Amino acid sequence: MLLVLGLGNPGPKYERTRHNVGFLAVESCAAFFQLRLKKRCFRLYRRATVGDRALLVQPLTYMNKSGDVLKHFSPSSMVVVCDQMDLPAGTIRLRKGGSSAGHRGLASLMEHTGDGNFIRIYIGIGRPNGEEGVIDHVLGAIDDEAIYDGIGLAAKALVSLIEGASFEEVANGYNRRPGTQLP
């Protein structure tokens, strides 16, 4: 079964922030399958099961501790959806493997898996402007409609992967310049 982790921070304070685009993409994917993510008693995550194909999960441990939830799962493969400042707002990139590139949520997952050999779907949130610091930028409210477009693209890419499309097929369709990505 495919484990899909949408990274973000729990609570109303972070609900519509740039750092929570992973949460939002997983929620959108769940809605496509007419599902809602639910929290089980005493678990630090929300989840929804897509038949026998995928488990959609939102860790509720805060971004820096995202890997802590992995002890509850033994997936055959994993997809992680998260924000990426080095991509323009609204752009997505699919990658297999690699480093955390300073992303603490990815670093936490890599610490718990022992490697970075999982699929990542990065959603571009753009860089902070000259007056804004990195932390204020990622924890700031989504103020660019293009980011919501990126969340929608990421959800569609997830649906394709869950429905059986290969990583290469999906990556080739979505790893394009902004404005030329598949709908």
N, C-alpha and C. Protein backbone atom coordinates (compact mmCIF):
# COMPACT_ATOMS: atom_id res chain seq x y z
N MET A 1 0.85 -1.19 0.00
CA MET A 1 0.00 0.00 0.00
C MET A 1 0.89 1.24 0.00
N LEU A 2 0.47 2.23 -0.75
CA LEU A 2 1.18 3.49 -0.86
C LEU A 2 0.83 4.38 0.33
N LEU A 3 1.84 4.88 1.03
CA LEU A 3 1.63 5.83 2.12
C LEU A 3 1.87 7.23 1.57
N VAL A 4 0.86 8.09 1.70
CA VAL A 4 0.96 9.48 1.22
C VAL A 4 0.93 10.38 2.45
N LEU A 5 2.02 11.10 2.67
CA LEU A 5 2.11 12.03 3.79
C LEU A 5 2.04 13.46 3.28
N GLY A 6 1.08 14.21 3.76
CA GLY A 6 1.01 15.64 3.48
C GLY A 6 1.56 16.37 4.69
N LEU A 7 2.66 17.10 4.51
CA LEU A 7 3.30 17.74 5.66
C LEU A 7 2.70 19.11 5.95
N GLY A 8 2.67 19.42 7.24
CA GLY A 8 2.15 20.71 7.69
C GLY A 8 2.19 20.79 9.20
N ASN A 9 1.56 21.80 9.72
CA ASN A 9 1.46 22.01 11.17
C ASN A 9 0.00 21.96 11.57
N PRO A 10 -0.32 21.35 12.72
CA PRO A 10 -1.72 21.27 13.14
C PRO A 10 -2.22 22.58 13.75
N GLY A 11 -3.52 22.71 13.79
CA GLY A 11 -4.15 23.82 14.50
C GLY A 11 -4.57 24.96 13.60
N PRO A 12 -5.56 25.72 14.06
CA PRO A 12 -6.11 26.83 13.29
C PRO A 12 -5.10 27.91 12.93
N LYS A 13 -4.10 28.11 13.79
CA LYS A 13 -3.09 29.14 13.56
C LYS A 13 -2.34 28.92 12.24
N TYR A 14 -2.19 27.65 11.83
CA TYR A 14 -1.39 27.31 10.66
C TYR A 14 -2.22 26.87 9.45
N GLU A 15 -3.54 26.80 9.62
CA GLU A 15 -4.42 26.20 8.63
C GLU A 15 -4.15 26.59 7.18
N ARG A 16 -4.10 27.83 6.87
CA ARG A 16 -3.95 28.31 5.49
C ARG A 16 -2.60 29.00 5.27
N THR A 17 -1.56 28.41 5.86
CA THR A 17 -0.22 28.98 5.68
C THR A 17 0.52 28.25 4.56
N ARG A 18 1.56 28.87 4.06
CA ARG A 18 2.36 28.27 2.99
C ARG A 18 2.98 26.94 3.42
N HIS A 19 3.33 26.84 4.69
CA HIS A 19 3.96 25.61 5.20
C HIS A 19 2.97 24.44 5.20
N ASN A 20 1.68 24.72 5.10
CA ASN A 20 0.67 23.67 5.16
C ASN A 20 0.14 23.24 3.80
N VAL A 21 0.83 23.57 2.74
CA VAL A 21 0.34 23.18 1.41
C VAL A 21 0.27 21.65 1.27
N GLY A 22 1.13 20.92 1.95
CA GLY A 22 1.07 19.46 1.92
C GLY A 22 -0.22 18.94 2.51
N PHE A 23 -0.63 19.51 3.66
CA PHE A 23 -1.92 19.16 4.26
C PHE A 23 -3.06 19.41 3.27
N LEU A 24 -3.03 20.59 2.65
CA LEU A 24 -4.12 20.99 1.76
C LEU A 24 -4.19 20.10 0.52
N ALA A 25 -3.04 19.71 -0.03
CA ALA A 25 -3.04 18.83 -1.20
C ALA A 25 -3.60 17.45 -0.86
N VAL A 26 -3.26 16.92 0.31
CA VAL A 26 -3.77 15.61 0.72
C VAL A 26 -5.28 15.69 0.98
N GLU A 27 -5.74 16.80 1.58
CA GLU A 27 -7.19 16.98 1.78
C GLU A 27 -7.92 17.02 0.44
N SER A 28 -7.34 17.71 -0.53
CA SER A 28 -7.94 17.81 -1.86
C SER A 28 -7.97 16.44 -2.54
N CYS A 29 -6.91 15.68 -2.40
CA CYS A 29 -6.86 14.33 -2.95
C CYS A 29 -7.93 13.46 -2.29
N ALA A 30 -8.06 13.54 -0.98
CA ALA A 30 -9.08 12.77 -0.26
C ALA A 30 -10.47 13.13 -0.77
N ALA A 31 -10.72 14.42 -0.98
CA ALA A 31 -12.02 14.86 -1.47
C ALA A 31 -12.32 14.27 -2.84
N PHE A 32 -11.30 14.15 -3.69
CA PHE A 32 -11.50 13.54 -5.00
C PHE A 32 -12.07 12.13 -4.85
N PHE A 33 -11.59 11.39 -3.86
CA PHE A 33 -12.06 10.03 -3.61
C PHE A 33 -13.25 10.00 -2.66
N GLN A 34 -13.84 11.17 -2.39
CA GLN A 34 -14.99 11.35 -1.52
C GLN A 34 -14.71 10.84 -0.10
N LEU A 35 -13.53 11.20 0.40
CA LEU A 35 -13.09 10.80 1.72
C LEU A 35 -12.76 12.03 2.57
N ARG A 36 -12.79 11.85 3.88
CA ARG A 36 -12.33 12.88 4.82
C ARG A 36 -11.28 12.24 5.71
N LEU A 37 -10.23 13.00 5.99
CA LEU A 37 -9.21 12.51 6.91
C LEU A 37 -9.75 12.61 8.34
N LYS A 38 -9.56 11.55 9.12
CA LYS A 38 -10.08 11.51 10.49
C LYS A 38 -8.96 11.15 11.45
N LYS A 39 -9.06 11.71 12.65
CA LYS A 39 -8.08 11.42 13.69
C LYS A 39 -8.62 10.28 14.56
N ARG A 40 -7.79 9.27 14.75
CA ARG A 40 -8.14 8.18 15.66
C ARG A 40 -7.71 8.57 17.07
N CYS A 41 -8.36 7.99 18.04
CA CYS A 41 -8.05 8.26 19.44
C CYS A 41 -6.57 8.04 19.74
N PHE A 42 -5.98 8.99 20.41
CA PHE A 42 -4.60 8.92 20.88
C PHE A 42 -3.55 8.80 19.77
N ARG A 43 -3.92 9.06 18.55
CA ARG A 43 -2.95 9.03 17.44
C ARG A 43 -2.60 10.45 17.06
N LEU A 44 -1.37 10.66 16.68
CA LEU A 44 -0.90 11.99 16.29
C LEU A 44 -0.91 12.15 14.78
N TYR A 45 -2.00 11.74 14.16
CA TYR A 45 -2.17 11.92 12.72
C TYR A 45 -3.64 11.79 12.37
N ARG A 46 -3.99 12.35 11.20
CA ARG A 46 -5.29 12.13 10.57
C ARG A 46 -5.06 11.22 9.39
N ARG A 47 -6.04 10.40 9.05
CA ARG A 47 -5.84 9.47 7.95
C ARG A 47 -7.15 9.18 7.22
N ALA A 48 -6.98 8.73 5.97
CA ALA A 48 -8.09 8.22 5.16
C ALA A 48 -7.51 7.13 4.27
N THR A 49 -8.26 6.06 4.10
CA THR A 49 -7.80 4.93 3.30
C THR A 49 -8.51 4.93 1.96
N VAL A 50 -7.71 4.84 0.89
CA VAL A 50 -8.25 4.78 -0.47
C VAL A 50 -8.22 3.31 -0.88
N GLY A 51 -9.29 2.58 -0.52
CA GLY A 51 -9.36 1.16 -0.82
C GLY A 51 -8.14 0.42 -0.30
N ASP A 52 -7.59 -0.44 -1.14
CA ASP A 52 -6.37 -1.15 -0.78
C ASP A 52 -5.16 -0.54 -1.48
N ARG A 53 -5.36 0.68 -2.04
CA ARG A 53 -4.29 1.31 -2.83
C ARG A 53 -3.42 2.28 -2.05
N ALA A 54 -4.03 3.07 -1.17
CA ALA A 54 -3.25 4.14 -0.53
C ALA A 54 -3.82 4.50 0.83
N LEU A 55 -2.93 5.02 1.66
CA LEU A 55 -3.29 5.57 2.94
C LEU A 55 -2.83 7.02 2.94
N LEU A 56 -3.78 7.95 3.06
CA LEU A 56 -3.48 9.38 3.09
C LEU A 56 -3.33 9.79 4.55
N VAL A 57 -2.23 10.49 4.87
CA VAL A 57 -1.94 10.81 6.27
C VAL A 57 -1.47 12.26 6.40
N GLN A 58 -1.96 12.92 7.44
CA GLN A 58 -1.47 14.24 7.85
C GLN A 58 -0.88 14.09 9.25
N PRO A 59 0.45 14.11 9.39
CA PRO A 59 1.04 14.05 10.72
C PRO A 59 0.63 15.29 11.53
N LEU A 60 0.27 15.09 12.79
CA LEU A 60 -0.14 16.20 13.66
C LEU A 60 0.93 16.49 14.71
N THR A 61 2.17 16.24 14.35
CA THR A 61 3.30 16.35 15.26
C THR A 61 4.08 17.64 15.06
N TYR A 62 3.62 18.52 14.23
CA TYR A 62 4.34 19.69 13.76
C TYR A 62 5.40 19.24 12.76
N MET A 63 5.70 20.12 11.87
CA MET A 63 6.57 19.83 10.73
C MET A 63 7.88 19.16 11.13
N ASN A 64 8.55 19.70 12.13
CA ASN A 64 9.89 19.23 12.49
C ASN A 64 9.91 17.83 13.07
N LYS A 65 8.75 17.29 13.40
CA LYS A 65 8.65 15.94 13.98
C LYS A 65 7.80 15.02 13.10
N SER A 66 7.66 15.34 11.84
CA SER A 66 6.79 14.57 10.93
C SER A 66 7.13 13.09 10.91
N GLY A 67 8.40 12.75 11.01
CA GLY A 67 8.82 11.35 10.94
C GLY A 67 8.34 10.51 12.11
N ASP A 68 7.95 11.13 13.21
CA ASP A 68 7.51 10.39 14.38
C ASP A 68 6.31 9.48 14.09
N VAL A 69 5.48 9.83 13.12
CA VAL A 69 4.29 9.02 12.83
C VAL A 69 4.62 7.74 12.07
N LEU A 70 5.80 7.65 11.50
CA LEU A 70 6.13 6.49 10.67
C LEU A 70 6.13 5.18 11.44
N LYS A 71 6.29 5.23 12.75
CA LYS A 71 6.27 3.99 13.55
C LYS A 71 4.92 3.29 13.49
N HIS A 72 3.88 3.99 13.06
CA HIS A 72 2.54 3.41 12.97
C HIS A 72 2.25 2.76 11.62
N PHE A 73 3.18 2.86 10.68
CA PHE A 73 2.93 2.39 9.32
C PHE A 73 4.11 1.56 8.81
N SER A 74 3.81 0.65 7.91
CA SER A 74 4.88 -0.08 7.22
C SER A 74 4.53 -0.12 5.73
N PRO A 75 4.73 1.01 5.08
CA PRO A 75 4.32 1.12 3.68
C PRO A 75 5.28 0.38 2.73
N SER A 76 4.75 -0.02 1.59
CA SER A 76 5.61 -0.59 0.54
C SER A 76 6.32 0.54 -0.19
N SER A 77 5.67 1.71 -0.26
CA SER A 77 6.30 2.90 -0.84
C SER A 77 5.64 4.14 -0.23
N MET A 78 6.32 5.28 -0.38
CA MET A 78 5.86 6.49 0.28
C MET A 78 5.99 7.69 -0.64
N VAL A 79 4.98 8.56 -0.58
CA VAL A 79 4.99 9.85 -1.28
C VAL A 79 4.82 10.92 -0.21
N VAL A 80 5.65 11.95 -0.28
CA VAL A 80 5.57 13.06 0.68
C VAL A 80 5.28 14.34 -0.10
N VAL A 81 4.30 15.10 0.36
CA VAL A 81 3.93 16.37 -0.27
C VAL A 81 4.29 17.49 0.70
N CYS A 82 5.07 18.46 0.21
CA CYS A 82 5.51 19.55 1.09
C CYS A 82 5.77 20.83 0.29
N ASP A 83 5.99 21.90 1.02
CA ASP A 83 6.28 23.21 0.43
C ASP A 83 7.73 23.28 -0.02
N GLN A 84 7.99 24.17 -0.99
CA GLN A 84 9.35 24.38 -1.50
C GLN A 84 9.50 25.85 -1.89
N MET A 85 10.36 26.56 -1.17
CA MET A 85 10.57 27.98 -1.45
C MET A 85 11.31 28.23 -2.75
N ASP A 86 12.11 27.27 -3.19
CA ASP A 86 12.93 27.48 -4.39
C ASP A 86 12.16 27.27 -5.69
N LEU A 87 10.88 26.99 -5.59
CA LEU A 87 10.03 26.90 -6.79
C LEU A 87 9.09 28.10 -6.81
N PRO A 88 8.83 28.63 -7.99
CA PRO A 88 7.85 29.72 -8.08
C PRO A 88 6.48 29.27 -7.58
N ALA A 89 5.74 30.19 -7.02
CA ALA A 89 4.39 29.89 -6.54
C ALA A 89 3.56 29.24 -7.63
N GLY A 90 2.93 28.13 -7.29
CA GLY A 90 2.05 27.45 -8.23
C GLY A 90 2.71 26.35 -9.04
N THR A 91 4.01 26.24 -8.98
CA THR A 91 4.74 25.20 -9.70
C THR A 91 4.86 23.98 -8.80
N ILE A 92 4.81 22.79 -9.38
CA ILE A 92 5.11 21.60 -8.59
C ILE A 92 6.26 20.85 -9.25
N ARG A 93 6.96 20.06 -8.45
CA ARG A 93 8.05 19.20 -8.93
C ARG A 93 7.94 17.87 -8.24
N LEU A 94 8.08 16.81 -9.01
CA LEU A 94 8.13 15.47 -8.45
C LEU A 94 9.56 14.99 -8.54
N ARG A 95 10.05 14.42 -7.46
CA ARG A 95 11.40 13.88 -7.39
C ARG A 95 11.38 12.57 -6.62
N LYS A 96 12.29 11.71 -6.95
CA LYS A 96 12.46 10.46 -6.21
C LYS A 96 13.82 10.51 -5.54
N GLY A 97 13.83 10.42 -4.22
CA GLY A 97 15.09 10.44 -3.48
C GLY A 97 15.67 11.83 -3.38
N GLY A 98 16.82 11.91 -2.72
CA GLY A 98 17.52 13.18 -2.58
C GLY A 98 17.69 13.55 -1.12
N SER A 99 18.20 14.75 -0.91
CA SER A 99 18.46 15.23 0.44
C SER A 99 17.23 16.00 0.95
N SER A 100 17.34 16.47 2.19
CA SER A 100 16.25 17.27 2.75
C SER A 100 16.31 18.71 2.26
N ALA A 101 17.46 19.14 1.74
CA ALA A 101 17.67 20.51 1.27
C ALA A 101 17.26 21.54 2.33
N GLY A 102 17.47 21.18 3.60
CA GLY A 102 17.16 22.10 4.68
C GLY A 102 15.71 22.08 5.15
N HIS A 103 14.87 21.27 4.52
CA HIS A 103 13.46 21.19 4.91
C HIS A 103 13.37 20.26 6.12
N ARG A 104 12.97 20.81 7.24
CA ARG A 104 13.01 20.04 8.49
C ARG A 104 12.01 18.90 8.54
N GLY A 105 10.89 19.04 7.86
CA GLY A 105 9.94 17.93 7.79
C GLY A 105 10.53 16.74 7.05
N LEU A 106 11.17 17.02 5.92
CA LEU A 106 11.84 15.95 5.17
C LEU A 106 12.99 15.36 5.98
N ALA A 107 13.75 16.21 6.67
CA ALA A 107 14.86 15.73 7.49
C ALA A 107 14.36 14.76 8.57
N SER A 108 13.23 15.08 9.18
CA SER A 108 12.65 14.21 10.20
C SER A 108 12.26 12.86 9.59
N LEU A 109 11.65 12.88 8.43
CA LEU A 109 11.27 11.62 7.76
C LEU A 109 12.51 10.80 7.42
N MET A 110 13.53 11.46 6.91
CA MET A 110 14.76 10.77 6.54
C MET A 110 15.44 10.17 7.78
N GLU A 111 15.36 10.85 8.88
CA GLU A 111 15.93 10.33 10.13
C GLU A 111 15.25 9.02 10.54
N HIS A 112 13.94 8.94 10.31
CA HIS A 112 13.18 7.76 10.70
C HIS A 112 13.23 6.64 9.66
N THR A 113 13.43 6.97 8.40
CA THR A 113 13.50 5.92 7.37
C THR A 113 14.92 5.46 7.13
N GLY A 114 15.88 6.26 7.54
CA GLY A 114 17.28 5.90 7.32
C GLY A 114 17.82 6.35 5.98
N ASP A 115 16.94 6.84 5.12
CA ASP A 115 17.37 7.36 3.82
C ASP A 115 16.31 8.30 3.27
N GLY A 116 16.56 8.84 2.12
CA GLY A 116 15.59 9.74 1.50
C GLY A 116 14.97 9.13 0.26
N ASN A 117 14.92 7.79 0.23
CA ASN A 117 14.46 7.09 -0.96
C ASN A 117 12.93 6.98 -1.00
N PHE A 118 12.30 8.13 -1.16
CA PHE A 118 10.85 8.17 -1.32
C PHE A 118 10.51 9.28 -2.30
N ILE A 119 9.31 9.22 -2.83
CA ILE A 119 8.85 10.22 -3.80
C ILE A 119 8.46 11.48 -3.04
N ARG A 120 8.83 12.62 -3.61
CA ARG A 120 8.43 13.91 -3.04
C ARG A 120 7.67 14.69 -4.10
N ILE A 121 6.61 15.32 -3.68
CA ILE A 121 5.92 16.29 -4.53
C ILE A 121 6.09 17.63 -3.84
N TYR A 122 6.87 18.48 -4.47
CA TYR A 122 7.13 19.81 -3.93
C TYR A 122 6.13 20.80 -4.53
N ILE A 123 5.57 21.63 -3.69
CA ILE A 123 4.66 22.69 -4.14
C ILE A 123 5.37 24.02 -3.94
N GLY A 124 5.55 24.76 -5.02
CA GLY A 124 6.26 26.03 -4.96
C GLY A 124 5.47 27.08 -4.20
N ILE A 125 6.17 27.73 -3.24
CA ILE A 125 5.55 28.82 -2.48
C ILE A 125 6.32 30.12 -2.70
N GLY A 126 7.37 30.07 -3.52
CA GLY A 126 8.17 31.26 -3.81
C GLY A 126 9.04 31.67 -2.63
N ARG A 127 9.96 32.57 -2.90
CA ARG A 127 10.90 33.08 -1.89
C ARG A 127 10.29 34.29 -1.19
N PRO A 128 10.73 34.56 0.03
CA PRO A 128 10.24 35.77 0.72
C PRO A 128 10.73 37.02 0.02
N ASN A 129 9.96 38.09 0.16
CA ASN A 129 10.41 39.36 -0.40
C ASN A 129 11.55 39.90 0.47
N GLY A 130 12.16 40.96 0.08
CA GLY A 130 13.33 41.48 0.78
C GLY A 130 13.11 41.84 2.23
N GLU A 131 11.89 42.17 2.62
CA GLU A 131 11.61 42.60 3.99
C GLU A 131 11.19 41.45 4.91
N GLU A 132 10.82 40.33 4.33
CA GLU A 132 10.25 39.23 5.09
C GLU A 132 11.31 38.14 5.30
N GLY A 133 11.39 37.60 6.50
CA GLY A 133 12.30 36.49 6.78
C GLY A 133 11.70 35.17 6.33
N VAL A 134 12.52 34.14 6.29
CA VAL A 134 12.09 32.81 5.84
C VAL A 134 10.98 32.25 6.72
N ILE A 135 11.15 32.33 8.03
CA ILE A 135 10.15 31.77 8.94
C ILE A 135 8.81 32.49 8.78
N ASP A 136 8.85 33.82 8.72
CA ASP A 136 7.61 34.58 8.53
C ASP A 136 6.96 34.24 7.19
N HIS A 137 7.79 33.97 6.18
CA HIS A 137 7.26 33.64 4.86
C HIS A 137 6.54 32.29 4.89
N VAL A 138 7.21 31.23 5.35
CA VAL A 138 6.58 29.91 5.30
C VAL A 138 5.40 29.79 6.25
N LEU A 139 5.44 30.52 7.37
CA LEU A 139 4.33 30.46 8.31
C LEU A 139 3.28 31.55 8.05
N GLY A 140 3.49 32.31 6.99
CA GLY A 140 2.53 33.34 6.61
C GLY A 140 1.36 32.77 5.83
N ALA A 141 0.25 33.51 5.85
CA ALA A 141 -0.96 33.08 5.14
C ALA A 141 -0.71 33.04 3.63
N ILE A 142 -1.35 32.10 2.98
CA ILE A 142 -1.27 32.01 1.52
C ILE A 142 -1.95 33.25 0.96
N ASP A 143 -1.19 34.05 0.23
CA ASP A 143 -1.71 35.30 -0.31
C ASP A 143 -1.57 35.37 -1.82
N ASP A 144 -1.23 34.24 -2.43
CA ASP A 144 -1.04 34.19 -3.87
C ASP A 144 -1.89 33.05 -4.41
N GLU A 145 -2.84 33.39 -5.25
CA GLU A 145 -3.76 32.39 -5.81
C GLU A 145 -3.02 31.27 -6.53
N ALA A 146 -1.85 31.57 -7.07
CA ALA A 146 -1.05 30.56 -7.77
C ALA A 146 -0.68 29.40 -6.85
N ILE A 147 -0.51 29.66 -5.56
CA ILE A 147 -0.18 28.57 -4.63
C ILE A 147 -1.34 27.58 -4.57
N TYR A 148 -2.57 28.09 -4.58
CA TYR A 148 -3.72 27.19 -4.60
C TYR A 148 -3.75 26.37 -5.89
N ASP A 149 -3.33 26.98 -7.00
CA ASP A 149 -3.22 26.23 -8.26
C ASP A 149 -2.22 25.09 -8.10
N GLY A 150 -1.09 25.36 -7.43
CA GLY A 150 -0.09 24.34 -7.19
C GLY A 150 -0.62 23.22 -6.31
N ILE A 151 -1.41 23.56 -5.31
CA ILE A 151 -2.02 22.56 -4.44
C ILE A 151 -2.92 21.65 -5.27
N GLY A 152 -3.71 22.25 -6.18
CA GLY A 152 -4.58 21.47 -7.06
C GLY A 152 -3.79 20.55 -7.97
N LEU A 153 -2.69 21.04 -8.53
CA LEU A 153 -1.84 20.20 -9.39
C LEU A 153 -1.25 19.04 -8.61
N ALA A 154 -0.79 19.32 -7.39
CA ALA A 154 -0.22 18.26 -6.55
C ALA A 154 -1.27 17.20 -6.23
N ALA A 155 -2.49 17.63 -5.94
CA ALA A 155 -3.57 16.67 -5.66
C ALA A 155 -3.86 15.80 -6.88
N LYS A 156 -3.85 16.40 -8.06
CA LYS A 156 -4.07 15.63 -9.30
C LYS A 156 -2.94 14.65 -9.53
N ALA A 157 -1.71 15.06 -9.25
CA ALA A 157 -0.57 14.16 -9.39
C ALA A 157 -0.71 12.98 -8.42
N LEU A 158 -1.16 13.24 -7.20
CA LEU A 158 -1.39 12.18 -6.22
C LEU A 158 -2.44 11.20 -6.71
N VAL A 159 -3.54 11.74 -7.23
CA VAL A 159 -4.61 10.88 -7.75
C VAL A 159 -4.05 9.96 -8.84
N SER A 160 -3.24 10.50 -9.73
CA SER A 160 -2.64 9.69 -10.79
C SER A 160 -1.78 8.58 -10.23
N LEU A 161 -0.95 8.90 -9.24
CA LEU A 161 -0.10 7.88 -8.62
C LEU A 161 -0.94 6.81 -7.92
N ILE A 162 -1.96 7.23 -7.21
CA ILE A 162 -2.83 6.28 -6.49
C ILE A 162 -3.58 5.38 -7.47
N GLU A 163 -3.96 5.94 -8.61
CA GLU A 163 -4.70 5.15 -9.61
C GLU A 163 -3.79 4.27 -10.45
N GLY A 164 -2.48 4.28 -10.15
CA GLY A 164 -1.59 3.32 -10.79
C GLY A 164 -0.64 3.85 -11.84
N ALA A 165 -0.66 5.14 -12.11
CA ALA A 165 0.30 5.69 -13.08
C ALA A 165 1.71 5.56 -12.49
N SER A 166 2.69 5.37 -13.34
CA SER A 166 4.07 5.24 -12.86
C SER A 166 4.60 6.61 -12.45
N PHE A 167 5.61 6.59 -11.58
CA PHE A 167 6.25 7.83 -11.16
C PHE A 167 6.76 8.59 -12.38
N GLU A 168 7.40 7.90 -13.31
CA GLU A 168 7.98 8.55 -14.49
C GLU A 168 6.91 9.23 -15.33
N GLU A 169 5.80 8.56 -15.51
CA GLU A 169 4.70 9.12 -16.29
C GLU A 169 4.16 10.40 -15.64
N VAL A 170 3.94 10.35 -14.34
CA VAL A 170 3.40 11.51 -13.63
C VAL A 170 4.43 12.64 -13.60
N ALA A 171 5.69 12.30 -13.30
CA ALA A 171 6.74 13.32 -13.26
C ALA A 171 6.90 13.99 -14.62
N ASN A 172 6.87 13.22 -15.69
CA ASN A 172 6.99 13.81 -17.03
C ASN A 172 5.84 14.75 -17.34
N GLY A 173 4.66 14.45 -16.80
CA GLY A 173 3.50 15.30 -17.05
C GLY A 173 3.50 16.59 -16.25
N TYR A 174 4.09 16.56 -15.05
CA TYR A 174 4.00 17.72 -14.17
C TYR A 174 5.30 18.50 -14.00
N ASN A 175 6.43 17.90 -14.29
CA ASN A 175 7.71 18.61 -14.13
C ASN A 175 8.00 19.43 -15.38
N ARG A 176 7.23 20.46 -15.56
CA ARG A 176 7.35 21.35 -16.71
C ARG A 176 7.43 22.78 -16.22
N ARG A 177 7.70 23.67 -17.12
CA ARG A 177 7.69 25.10 -16.79
C ARG A 177 6.29 25.54 -16.41
N PRO A 178 6.18 26.55 -15.53
CA PRO A 178 4.85 27.06 -15.18
C PRO A 178 4.07 27.45 -16.42
N GLY A 179 2.79 27.12 -16.41
CA GLY A 179 1.94 27.45 -17.54
C GLY A 179 1.87 26.33 -18.57
N THR A 180 2.79 25.34 -18.46
CA THR A 180 2.76 24.24 -19.43
C THR A 180 2.47 22.90 -18.73
N GLN A 181 2.15 22.95 -17.43
CA GLN A 181 1.85 21.72 -16.72
C GLN A 181 0.50 21.20 -17.15
N LEU A 182 0.36 19.88 -17.05
CA LEU A 182 -0.89 19.25 -17.42
C LEU A 182 -1.99 19.69 -16.46
N PRO A 183 -3.23 19.77 -16.94
CA PRO A 183 -4.32 20.14 -16.05
C PRO A 183 -4.68 19.01 -15.10
